[in-house]
Structure formats: C-alpha cells, structure tokens
Amino acid sequence: MRELITLQITLFSMVGLGLIVRKLNIVSREGQKSINRLVIHLVLPCNIVQSFVMESSGEMLQACIAIFLVSAGIQVFAVWYGKILYGRKEENRQISLRYGIICSNAGFLGNPIAEGIYGPEGLMLASIFLIPVRVMMWSSGLALFEGQTDRKKLLKKVLTHPCVVACVIGLVLFLTQLPLPEIILTPLRTVGRCNTALSMMVIGMILSEIDPHSFKDADVFKYSLQRLIVIPLIVFAVCSVLPVSPMVRGLSTILAGMPAGATTSMLAENYDRDPGFATRLVIVSTLLSLPTICAWSLITAL
C-alpha cells in the first residue's frame, strides 16, 4: 500500500511540475511539442528496447508462456472491445478511448506493484505480460492515430515508427538472449529512464491549457469504469477457469486493471487529436486507480 501511494504521488508530482513550467512559460508551446517528439522518437524507443533485456528462467518457462498467452488474448479482446464500445463516438474521442482500452499504464505502475506483491518472479512475469501490450499499442494502437485510408501507406508508416522498430529489436533480443555490450546497454537504460518523468511532465503541460470544468465529462468516468473495473473483472473470471497458476491469474488481473497510459495524451498531442480529452482520460483514471488497484491486489491474493 505504501509503495502504491508513493507511485501515485510521484506520478502527480511530475504532472504538477509540467503544469508549473508551462504556466510560467519556462517551456513554450513550441518547446512542449519538441519535448513530446523527443519522447516518442528517442526516449520511449530506448525504454522499450531496454525493457526486453532480461534473462529467461527455465523454472519459470511455463508461467512465462501462460502469462504471455493470457496477455496476447487480452490485447486481441481489447481491440475488439474498444471498437464495440466506442465505434460510434466522435472521431477524436473514439481514437483516444479505443487506444486507452488497448494501452494502460501497466509498465510504470504495474512493474513495481508486481515486484512488491510477488517478488522478483512477479517482476519477470510482468515484463513478459507487457510484450504483447507494447507490440499492440505500437501497431493497432498507433494505426488509430495515424488515421490514413491507404492501408499500404499506413502499414509502412506504422512498421517504420521508432517505437514499433524498438519492439521488434527488443523481441529479437529477448528470444535470442543476445547479450548487449555495456557500452550500448548503459546509454539505452540512461535515456530510457527519462521516459516516465518527461511523459508525465508533458501531460502536465497539456493539462495547463485545459479548463478545469471540462473534467466533468461522462465519457471519461465511463471509460475509467471499463478500464479499472470491468476489464480486470473479465480477466479474473476467465483466468479462474483456465489452467494457470494463482500468480499468473493475479498478475494478469492487476495489470489489466491499470489506468490509461501516458502515451494516450502524447500521441493525441502529436497527431492533434484532442489532447485535452486524452489527458483527462489519463488524469482521472489514474486518480481513480488508487482504490481499485488496492482492491484487485487484495482480491487476487485471496
């Protein structure tokens, strides 16, 4: 509980710093866009690649395969479920809502919670769980924001996106267990560690331009209900009848119930897809996630 509260405070502290530096004009509107592009095209790809650099364990192989398959199933379901839920919404809102169903903040919030509850094994399984998440968010998820009708051009743009390339490199490294020399790994980790701070500060900068009254938005609260309660409830029910270990079931449920990922706001800003609405999704769902994550942690531990 203490670790979870610390993580939430850390998140909102960085959002607050972003809001302050934008309000004081320390970072201009143009500078904000430049930071956003820097994160998407450099910092985030480095973070993705280094997250795949881990040793595989023979003893955990069965659990790794199980949680990978569960995660892949969740992602396929999320693409379909988001389209069913939000297919008739206004275009910009639909994009952020559907992306928010696909992509959660399971990386920053999920990994330390997994380690705190299940130890090093939990952290490793959480990292495996994130592989299909990252692949889907930078393929189907990115395609939502690209919004092009020419499938060939869209496919080319998605496949050459720095984050998609990073996923491919990471998967190759993970599957082959090729060791990266420290002269490459150290810069990757150093740059990748900037991801959370810069991402949350960009959200704060976007937040500085939003009317506080706009947070009274039914779509945002309905989305939070789906993201934090309905989806993890479905995952928990399905995993309860599957031949998976209690650890795989618990981790899958907790990670499926994380709030909207920060990249929702960043991509909306990058593609001019109503970043204000996307930021409200991230902020409100993250605020509401404190009690729900605690509840799911207790339920899955029973």
Protein backbone atom coordinates (compact mmCIF):
# COMPACT_ATOMS: atom_id res chain seq x y z
CA MET A 1 0.00 0.00 0.00
CA ARG A 2 2.81 2.42 0.90
CA GLU A 3 4.59 1.69 -2.38
CA LEU A 4 1.40 2.19 -4.39
CA ILE A 5 0.68 5.53 -2.74
CA THR A 6 4.29 6.62 -3.33
CA LEU A 7 3.97 5.77 -7.02
CA GLN A 8 0.75 7.76 -7.35
CA ILE A 9 2.29 10.76 -5.59
CA THR A 10 5.35 10.51 -7.85
CA LEU A 11 3.15 10.50 -10.95
CA PHE A 12 1.15 13.54 -9.96
CA SER A 13 4.21 15.41 -8.70
CA MET A 14 5.73 15.15 -12.17
CA VAL A 15 2.42 16.17 -13.77
CA GLY A 16 2.40 19.19 -11.42
CA LEU A 17 5.94 20.14 -12.40
CA GLY A 18 4.96 20.05 -16.06
CA LEU A 19 1.97 22.27 -15.38
CA ILE A 20 4.11 24.78 -13.46
CA VAL A 21 6.89 25.07 -16.06
CA ARG A 22 4.27 25.60 -18.78
CA LYS A 23 2.28 28.14 -16.77
CA LEU A 24 5.48 30.08 -16.02
CA ASN A 25 6.38 29.80 -19.72
CA ILE A 26 9.71 28.16 -18.87
CA VAL A 27 8.75 25.82 -21.69
CA SER A 28 6.94 27.43 -24.63
CA ARG A 29 4.17 25.83 -26.70
CA GLU A 30 6.76 25.02 -29.38
CA GLY A 31 9.11 23.62 -26.75
CA GLN A 32 6.31 21.41 -25.43
CA LYS A 33 5.79 19.91 -28.88
CA SER A 34 9.55 19.39 -29.26
CA ILE A 35 9.74 17.53 -25.92
CA ASN A 36 6.78 15.41 -26.97
CA ARG A 37 8.52 14.45 -30.23
CA LEU A 38 11.77 13.75 -28.37
CA VAL A 39 10.00 11.30 -26.05
CA ILE A 40 8.14 9.47 -28.84
CA HIS A 41 11.08 9.26 -31.26
CA LEU A 42 14.01 8.67 -28.87
CA VAL A 43 13.32 8.28 -25.16
CA LEU A 44 10.40 5.84 -25.43
CA PRO A 45 12.11 3.59 -28.02
CA CYS A 46 15.16 3.33 -25.74
CA ASN A 47 12.88 2.47 -22.82
CA ILE A 48 11.13 -0.23 -24.88
CA VAL A 49 14.36 -1.91 -26.04
CA GLN A 50 15.96 -2.00 -22.60
CA SER A 51 12.77 -3.39 -21.04
CA PHE A 52 13.15 -6.54 -23.17
CA VAL A 53 16.70 -7.15 -21.95
CA MET A 54 16.18 -9.82 -19.30
CA GLU A 55 17.36 -13.36 -18.59
CA SER A 56 14.92 -16.20 -19.24
CA SER A 57 14.49 -18.77 -16.48
CA GLY A 58 13.88 -22.46 -17.22
CA GLU A 59 11.91 -22.90 -13.98
CA MET A 60 9.59 -20.04 -14.91
CA LEU A 61 9.19 -21.02 -18.56
CA GLN A 62 5.70 -22.48 -18.14
CA ALA A 63 4.46 -19.44 -16.22
CA CYS A 64 6.09 -17.14 -18.81
CA ILE A 65 4.31 -18.89 -21.68
CA ALA A 66 1.00 -18.83 -19.80
CA ILE A 67 1.09 -15.12 -18.96
CA PHE A 68 2.27 -14.27 -22.48
CA LEU A 69 -0.74 -16.11 -23.98
CA VAL A 70 -3.13 -14.52 -21.47
CA SER A 71 -1.74 -11.05 -22.27
CA ALA A 72 -2.00 -11.68 -26.04
CA GLY A 73 -5.62 -12.75 -25.55
CA ILE A 74 -6.36 -9.62 -23.54
CA GLN A 75 -4.91 -7.43 -26.29
CA VAL A 76 -6.96 -9.10 -29.04
CA PHE A 77 -10.04 -8.68 -26.84
CA ALA A 78 -9.18 -5.02 -26.13
CA VAL A 79 -9.04 -4.13 -29.83
CA TRP A 80 -12.47 -5.72 -30.42
CA TYR A 81 -14.00 -4.43 -27.16
CA GLY A 82 -12.88 -0.84 -27.74
CA LYS A 83 -14.40 -0.84 -31.22
CA ILE A 84 -17.71 -2.19 -29.87
CA LEU A 85 -17.82 0.33 -27.01
CA TYR A 86 -16.71 3.48 -28.83
CA GLY A 87 -17.19 2.85 -32.55
CA ARG A 88 -19.92 5.50 -32.78
CA LYS A 89 -18.18 8.23 -30.78
CA GLU A 90 -16.87 11.45 -32.36
CA GLU A 91 -13.64 10.60 -34.21
CA ASN A 92 -11.04 12.22 -31.94
CA ARG A 93 -12.72 10.94 -28.78
CA GLN A 94 -13.15 7.49 -30.29
CA ILE A 95 -9.43 7.28 -31.08
CA SER A 96 -8.30 8.15 -27.54
CA LEU A 97 -10.94 5.93 -25.92
CA ARG A 98 -10.10 2.91 -28.08
CA TYR A 99 -6.37 3.45 -27.63
CA GLY A 100 -6.93 3.82 -23.87
CA ILE A 101 -8.60 0.40 -23.78
CA ILE A 102 -5.62 -1.14 -25.62
CA CYS A 103 -2.87 0.70 -23.75
CA SER A 104 -2.68 1.02 -19.97
CA ASN A 105 -0.01 2.31 -17.61
CA ALA A 106 0.96 -1.28 -16.74
CA GLY A 107 4.67 -0.52 -17.22
CA PHE A 108 5.33 2.26 -14.73
CA LEU A 109 2.66 1.35 -12.16
CA GLY A 110 2.44 -2.38 -12.83
CA ASN A 111 6.07 -3.49 -12.61
CA PRO A 112 6.82 -2.18 -9.08
CA ILE A 113 3.45 -3.41 -7.80
CA ALA A 114 4.09 -6.86 -9.30
CA GLU A 115 7.50 -6.98 -7.61
CA GLY A 116 6.10 -5.74 -4.30
CA ILE A 117 3.40 -8.43 -4.20
CA TYR A 118 5.10 -11.42 -5.87
CA GLY A 119 8.82 -10.63 -5.61
CA PRO A 120 11.40 -10.96 -8.43
CA GLU A 121 9.34 -13.69 -10.14
CA GLY A 122 6.40 -11.31 -10.30
CA LEU A 123 8.53 -8.61 -11.88
CA MET A 124 9.78 -11.01 -14.54
CA LEU A 125 6.26 -12.23 -15.37
CA ALA A 126 5.01 -8.63 -15.51
CA SER A 127 7.73 -7.86 -18.05
CA ILE A 128 6.58 -10.84 -20.16
CA PHE A 129 2.96 -9.65 -19.86
CA LEU A 130 3.99 -6.28 -21.30
CA ILE A 131 5.42 -7.73 -24.54
CA PRO A 132 2.05 -8.17 -26.34
CA VAL A 133 0.87 -4.87 -24.82
CA ARG A 134 3.78 -2.95 -26.32
CA VAL A 135 3.51 -4.67 -29.68
CA MET A 136 -0.24 -3.94 -29.92
CA MET A 137 -0.03 -0.34 -28.72
CA TRP A 138 2.56 0.47 -31.39
CA SER A 139 0.73 -1.38 -34.17
CA SER A 140 -3.08 -1.36 -33.87
CA GLY A 141 -2.96 1.46 -31.32
CA LEU A 142 -0.71 3.72 -33.39
CA ALA A 143 -2.80 2.98 -36.51
CA LEU A 144 -5.79 4.62 -34.77
CA PHE A 145 -3.95 7.94 -34.50
CA GLU A 146 -2.46 7.73 -37.99
CA GLY A 147 -5.98 7.61 -39.41
CA GLN A 148 -4.98 7.06 -43.04
CA THR A 149 -7.23 5.27 -45.52
CA ASP A 150 -4.38 3.96 -47.70
CA ARG A 151 -3.57 0.66 -45.95
CA LYS A 152 -0.18 0.28 -47.63
CA LYS A 153 0.97 3.75 -46.60
CA LEU A 154 -0.46 3.21 -43.11
CA LEU A 155 1.29 -0.15 -42.74
CA LYS A 156 4.59 1.33 -43.89
CA LYS A 157 4.29 4.26 -41.51
CA VAL A 158 3.38 2.03 -38.57
CA LEU A 159 6.14 -0.52 -39.26
CA THR A 160 8.78 2.22 -39.56
CA HIS A 161 7.66 4.05 -36.43
CA PRO A 162 10.57 4.22 -33.93
CA CYS A 163 8.53 2.51 -31.19
CA VAL A 164 7.50 -0.37 -33.46
CA VAL A 165 11.11 -0.82 -34.58
CA ALA A 166 12.11 -0.80 -30.90
CA CYS A 167 9.56 -3.57 -30.16
CA VAL A 168 11.00 -5.72 -32.96
CA ILE A 169 14.58 -5.19 -31.74
CA GLY A 170 13.50 -5.94 -28.18
CA LEU A 171 11.71 -9.14 -29.14
CA VAL A 172 14.76 -10.36 -31.08
CA LEU A 173 16.99 -9.67 -28.08
CA PHE A 174 14.60 -11.43 -25.70
CA LEU A 175 14.07 -14.52 -27.87
CA THR A 176 17.71 -14.95 -28.82
CA GLN A 177 19.11 -13.85 -25.44
CA LEU A 178 21.84 -11.96 -27.28
CA PRO A 179 23.88 -10.01 -24.73
CA LEU A 180 24.18 -6.29 -25.33
CA PRO A 181 27.57 -4.77 -24.50
CA GLU A 182 27.50 -2.28 -21.64
CA ILE A 183 28.63 0.49 -23.99
CA ILE A 184 25.20 0.14 -25.69
CA LEU A 185 23.04 -1.03 -22.77
CA THR A 186 24.08 1.75 -20.37
CA PRO A 187 23.09 4.65 -22.69
CA LEU A 188 19.85 2.82 -23.54
CA ARG A 189 18.92 2.50 -19.87
CA THR A 190 20.02 6.05 -19.06
CA VAL A 191 17.88 7.59 -21.80
CA GLY A 192 15.01 5.16 -21.18
CA ARG A 193 14.79 6.13 -17.51
CA CYS A 194 13.82 9.65 -18.59
CA ASN A 195 10.59 8.29 -20.07
CA THR A 196 8.33 8.48 -17.02
CA ALA A 197 9.46 11.95 -15.93
CA LEU A 198 9.24 13.53 -19.39
CA SER A 199 5.97 11.77 -20.29
CA MET A 200 4.19 12.88 -17.12
CA MET A 201 5.58 16.42 -17.43
CA VAL A 202 4.22 16.65 -20.98
CA ILE A 203 0.82 15.63 -19.60
CA GLY A 204 1.12 18.44 -17.06
CA MET A 205 1.93 20.92 -19.84
CA ILE A 206 -1.15 19.82 -21.78
CA LEU A 207 -3.19 19.99 -18.57
CA SER A 208 -2.18 23.64 -18.08
CA GLU A 209 -4.28 24.58 -21.12
CA ILE A 210 -7.42 22.67 -20.08
CA ASP A 211 -10.47 24.29 -18.49
CA PRO A 212 -10.97 22.63 -15.05
CA HIS A 213 -14.73 22.49 -15.69
CA SER A 214 -14.10 20.17 -18.64
CA PHE A 215 -13.25 17.34 -16.21
CA LYS A 216 -17.00 16.92 -15.67
CA ASP A 217 -17.11 14.57 -18.62
CA ALA A 218 -19.29 11.45 -18.56
CA ASP A 219 -17.18 9.72 -21.23
CA VAL A 220 -14.09 9.98 -19.00
CA PHE A 221 -15.78 8.41 -15.99
CA LYS A 222 -17.46 5.69 -18.06
CA TYR A 223 -14.07 4.88 -19.58
CA SER A 224 -12.49 4.69 -16.09
CA LEU A 225 -15.20 2.22 -15.04
CA GLN A 226 -14.35 -0.01 -18.01
CA ARG A 227 -10.56 0.31 -17.63
CA LEU A 228 -10.36 -0.15 -13.86
CA ILE A 229 -13.24 -2.49 -13.00
CA VAL A 230 -14.95 -4.20 -15.96
CA ILE A 231 -11.86 -5.33 -17.90
CA PRO A 232 -9.93 -6.75 -14.89
CA LEU A 233 -13.16 -8.43 -13.72
CA ILE A 234 -13.45 -10.20 -17.09
CA VAL A 235 -9.76 -11.19 -16.96
CA PHE A 236 -10.10 -12.52 -13.39
CA ALA A 237 -13.20 -14.57 -14.32
CA VAL A 238 -11.58 -16.08 -17.43
CA CYS A 239 -8.27 -16.84 -15.68
CA SER A 240 -10.18 -18.52 -12.84
CA VAL A 241 -11.34 -21.25 -15.24
CA LEU A 242 -8.06 -21.54 -17.14
CA PRO A 243 -5.27 -23.93 -16.01
CA VAL A 244 -2.96 -21.12 -14.88
CA SER A 245 -1.20 -20.57 -11.56
CA PRO A 246 -2.59 -18.17 -8.93
CA MET A 247 0.39 -15.88 -9.63
CA VAL A 248 -0.39 -15.69 -13.36
CA ARG A 249 -4.08 -15.09 -12.60
CA GLY A 250 -3.33 -12.40 -10.03
CA LEU A 251 -0.75 -10.56 -12.10
CA SER A 252 -2.91 -10.66 -15.24
CA THR A 253 -5.87 -9.22 -13.34
CA ILE A 254 -3.89 -6.46 -11.64
CA LEU A 255 -2.04 -5.42 -14.81
CA ALA A 256 -5.28 -5.46 -16.84
CA GLY A 257 -6.78 -3.01 -14.34
CA MET A 258 -4.20 -0.25 -14.70
CA PRO A 259 -5.24 3.31 -15.72
CA ALA A 260 -4.78 4.86 -19.17
CA GLY A 261 -1.18 5.04 -20.37
CA ALA A 262 0.58 8.38 -20.65
CA THR A 263 1.16 7.74 -24.35
CA THR A 264 -2.58 8.34 -24.88
CA SER A 265 -2.02 12.04 -24.20
CA MET A 266 1.30 12.18 -26.01
CA LEU A 267 0.03 10.62 -29.23
CA ALA A 268 -3.11 12.78 -29.14
CA GLU A 269 -0.84 15.82 -28.83
CA ASN A 270 1.50 14.59 -31.55
CA TYR A 271 -1.33 13.93 -34.03
CA ASP A 272 -3.57 16.84 -32.90
CA ARG A 273 -6.38 14.51 -31.82
CA ASP A 274 -7.96 16.48 -28.94
CA PRO A 275 -5.08 16.13 -26.46
CA GLY A 276 -7.18 17.78 -23.75
CA PHE A 277 -9.69 14.93 -23.74
CA ALA A 278 -6.90 12.33 -23.86
CA THR A 279 -5.22 13.99 -20.87
CA ARG A 280 -8.46 13.92 -18.90
CA LEU A 281 -8.64 10.17 -19.53
CA VAL A 282 -5.12 9.71 -18.13
CA ILE A 283 -5.52 12.02 -15.12
CA VAL A 284 -8.97 10.86 -13.97
CA SER A 285 -8.35 7.13 -14.49
CA THR A 286 -5.01 7.41 -12.65
CA LEU A 287 -6.66 9.21 -9.72
CA LEU A 288 -9.41 6.60 -9.50
CA SER A 289 -6.96 3.70 -9.84
CA LEU A 290 -5.58 4.00 -6.30
CA PRO A 291 -8.53 2.27 -4.57
CA THR A 292 -9.24 -0.13 -7.46
CA ILE A 293 -5.63 -1.41 -7.73
CA CYS A 294 -5.58 -1.94 -3.96
CA ALA A 295 -8.88 -3.83 -4.18
CA TRP A 296 -7.73 -6.08 -7.02
CA SER A 297 -4.46 -6.77 -5.20
CA LEU A 298 -6.42 -7.98 -2.17
CA ILE A 299 -8.97 -9.98 -4.20
CA THR A 300 -6.34 -11.83 -6.24
CA ALA A 301 -4.32 -12.60 -3.11
CA LEU A 302 -7.24 -14.47 -1.52
